[in-house]
Amino acid sequence: MDDWKNDRLASALDGTNPTLVIKMKSGLVVLGDSQLLPGYCILMAYPIVRCLNDLDIQRRSDFLLDMSLLGDAILDVCKPAKINYEILINAADFLYAHVFPRYKWEPEERKIMPVWLYPKEYRFSPENMFSEEKHSNMKTQIAGKLRELMNKNY
């Protein structure tokens, strides 16, 4: 049932990853497993590279532009107070970027901290996990906004 999680990029490419939002110029956008912060997405570089520095200047520009357009789409659809961008190559050996919406309703002590410092049991509690029933409309709206932004900016 969750076999797609074994290779998130391959499953996004073959259409079996239910979190897939859209393919962009530099890679694929998926919703994060935890939707504690609604609209949290990941941009996975494709073709696969190990890190940002492995890209030539044009592909770096494409990836960073796509990352910022994703932030614009999340701002438009989800209405957060701001967006945090993180490129971490810790959990997987390929380039991907986390795009986190941050909300006014978050606890004051959490607003100034990275999302990773929310307790893991809270971030990954069943009520915060991606589900097609709860998140398909948001996913469709983000994809639509990204299509609009890509048409305007490419």
Protein backbone atom coordinates (compact mmCIF):
# COMPACT_ATOMS: atom_id res chain seq x y z
CA MET A 1 0.00 0.00 0.00
CA ASP A 2 2.79 2.46 0.85
CA ASP A 3 5.37 0.94 -1.53
CA TRP A 4 5.74 4.34 -3.19
CA LYS A 5 7.54 5.54 -0.03
CA ASN A 6 10.49 3.22 -0.78
CA ASP A 7 11.51 5.47 -3.70
CA ARG A 8 9.63 8.73 -3.56
CA LEU A 9 11.23 10.18 -6.68
CA ALA A 10 10.67 7.11 -8.86
CA SER A 11 7.09 6.81 -7.62
CA ALA A 12 6.50 10.49 -8.43
CA LEU A 13 7.88 9.93 -11.92
CA ASP A 14 5.71 6.87 -12.53
CA GLY A 15 2.57 8.45 -11.05
CA THR A 16 2.16 6.12 -8.05
CA ASN A 17 3.13 8.71 -5.43
CA PRO A 18 -0.15 10.18 -4.13
CA THR A 19 1.64 13.27 -2.78
CA LEU A 20 2.79 14.38 -6.26
CA VAL A 21 1.67 17.94 -6.95
CA ILE A 22 3.33 18.79 -10.27
CA LYS A 23 6.49 18.50 -12.39
CA MET A 24 8.42 21.73 -12.74
CA LYS A 25 11.37 22.67 -14.93
CA SER A 26 13.94 21.55 -12.34
CA GLY A 27 12.14 18.69 -10.62
CA LEU A 28 9.04 17.32 -8.99
CA VAL A 29 6.93 18.85 -6.23
CA VAL A 30 5.33 16.63 -3.59
CA LEU A 31 3.37 17.43 -0.47
CA GLY A 32 5.23 16.53 2.70
CA ASP A 33 4.05 13.48 4.63
CA SER A 34 3.23 15.69 7.59
CA GLN A 35 0.81 18.49 6.91
CA LEU A 36 1.06 19.92 10.42
CA LEU A 37 1.76 23.15 8.54
CA PRO A 38 -0.71 22.92 5.63
CA GLY A 39 0.97 23.31 2.27
CA TYR A 40 4.39 21.99 3.29
CA CYS A 41 6.02 20.79 0.06
CA ILE A 42 9.29 19.33 -1.15
CA LEU A 43 10.92 20.10 -4.50
CA MET A 44 13.02 17.11 -5.61
CA ALA A 45 15.61 17.89 -8.31
CA TYR A 46 15.27 15.85 -11.48
CA PRO A 47 17.43 14.65 -13.12
CA ILE A 48 18.99 13.52 -9.87
CA VAL A 49 22.06 15.32 -8.58
CA ARG A 50 23.75 15.00 -5.22
CA CYS A 51 23.70 18.68 -4.24
CA LEU A 52 23.08 22.20 -5.51
CA ASN A 53 26.77 22.63 -6.27
CA ASP A 54 26.65 19.75 -8.76
CA LEU A 55 24.38 21.79 -11.03
CA ASP A 56 25.65 24.19 -13.65
CA ILE A 57 24.65 27.83 -13.23
CA GLN A 58 21.53 27.60 -15.41
CA ARG A 59 20.18 24.51 -13.64
CA ARG A 60 20.96 26.09 -10.24
CA SER A 61 18.98 29.13 -11.31
CA ASP A 62 16.12 26.91 -12.51
CA PHE A 63 16.01 25.00 -9.21
CA LEU A 64 16.11 28.11 -7.04
CA LEU A 65 13.50 29.87 -9.21
CA ASP A 66 11.23 26.81 -9.00
CA MET A 67 11.71 26.71 -5.23
CA SER A 68 10.67 30.36 -4.93
CA LEU A 69 7.69 29.89 -7.30
CA LEU A 70 6.57 27.02 -5.10
CA GLY A 71 6.73 29.40 -2.15
CA ASP A 72 4.63 31.91 -4.10
CA ALA A 73 2.02 29.24 -4.83
CA ILE A 74 1.83 28.16 -1.19
CA LEU A 75 1.49 31.80 -0.10
CA ASP A 76 -1.38 32.29 -2.54
CA VAL A 77 -3.26 29.08 -1.74
CA CYS A 78 -2.63 28.53 1.97
CA LYS A 79 -2.23 32.14 3.17
CA PRO A 80 0.61 31.58 5.67
CA ALA A 81 2.38 34.52 7.33
CA LYS A 82 5.67 33.61 5.61
CA ILE A 83 7.65 30.83 3.95
CA ASN A 84 10.81 29.06 5.15
CA TYR A 85 13.11 27.42 2.61
CA GLU A 86 15.58 24.68 3.55
CA ILE A 87 17.98 22.65 1.44
CA LEU A 88 19.22 19.76 3.55
CA ILE A 89 20.97 16.73 2.12
CA ASN A 90 20.90 14.71 5.31
CA ALA A 91 18.18 12.10 4.86
CA ALA A 92 18.65 11.33 1.16
CA ASP A 93 21.67 11.57 -1.10
CA PHE A 94 20.07 13.81 -3.71
CA LEU A 95 19.07 17.45 -3.99
CA TYR A 96 15.71 18.45 -2.59
CA ALA A 97 14.32 21.55 -0.91
CA HIS A 98 11.77 21.84 1.88
CA VAL A 99 9.29 24.70 1.49
CA PHE A 100 7.53 25.31 4.80
CA PRO A 101 4.62 27.69 5.29
CA ARG A 102 4.69 29.33 8.70
CA TYR A 103 1.46 30.51 10.32
CA LYS A 104 0.38 33.17 12.81
CA TRP A 105 -1.57 30.48 14.70
CA GLU A 106 1.58 28.54 15.57
CA PRO A 107 2.56 28.67 19.25
CA GLU A 108 4.73 31.74 19.91
CA GLU A 109 7.68 29.64 21.11
CA ARG A 110 7.59 27.60 17.85
CA LYS A 111 7.41 30.53 15.43
CA ILE A 112 11.10 31.34 15.82
CA MET A 113 12.29 27.72 15.66
CA PRO A 114 12.82 25.37 12.74
CA VAL A 115 9.87 23.08 12.05
CA TRP A 116 12.07 20.11 12.96
CA LEU A 117 11.92 21.20 16.61
CA TYR A 118 8.20 20.50 16.87
CA PRO A 119 7.94 17.20 18.80
CA LYS A 120 8.18 14.32 16.34
CA GLU A 121 5.14 12.59 17.82
CA TYR A 122 3.13 15.76 17.14
CA ARG A 123 4.47 16.40 13.64
CA PHE A 124 3.76 12.82 12.62
CA SER A 125 0.56 12.22 14.55
CA PRO A 126 -2.20 10.62 12.41
CA GLU A 127 -4.27 13.82 12.26
CA ASN A 128 -1.32 15.73 10.74
CA MET A 129 -0.39 13.16 8.08
CA PHE A 130 -1.12 13.60 4.37
CA SER A 131 -4.34 12.04 3.23
CA GLU A 132 -5.95 12.28 -0.18
CA GLU A 133 -9.33 13.01 1.42
CA LYS A 134 -8.07 15.96 3.49
CA HIS A 135 -5.44 17.39 1.16
CA SER A 136 -6.43 16.72 -2.47
CA ASN A 137 -8.15 20.09 -2.91
CA MET A 138 -5.12 21.98 -1.57
CA LYS A 139 -2.81 19.88 -3.76
CA THR A 140 -4.92 20.71 -6.83
CA GLN A 141 -4.94 24.41 -5.97
CA ILE A 142 -1.16 24.53 -5.49
CA ALA A 143 -0.66 22.71 -8.81
CA GLY A 144 -2.98 25.17 -10.56
CA LYS A 145 -1.18 28.18 -9.13
CA LEU A 146 2.18 26.69 -10.09
CA ARG A 147 1.00 26.16 -13.69
CA GLU A 148 -0.02 29.82 -13.79
CA LEU A 149 3.33 30.96 -12.34
CA MET A 150 5.35 28.71 -14.66
CA ASN A 151 3.46 30.01 -17.72
CA LYS A 152 4.22 33.57 -16.62
CA ASN A 153 7.89 33.06 -15.63
CA TYR A 154 9.40 30.51 -18.03
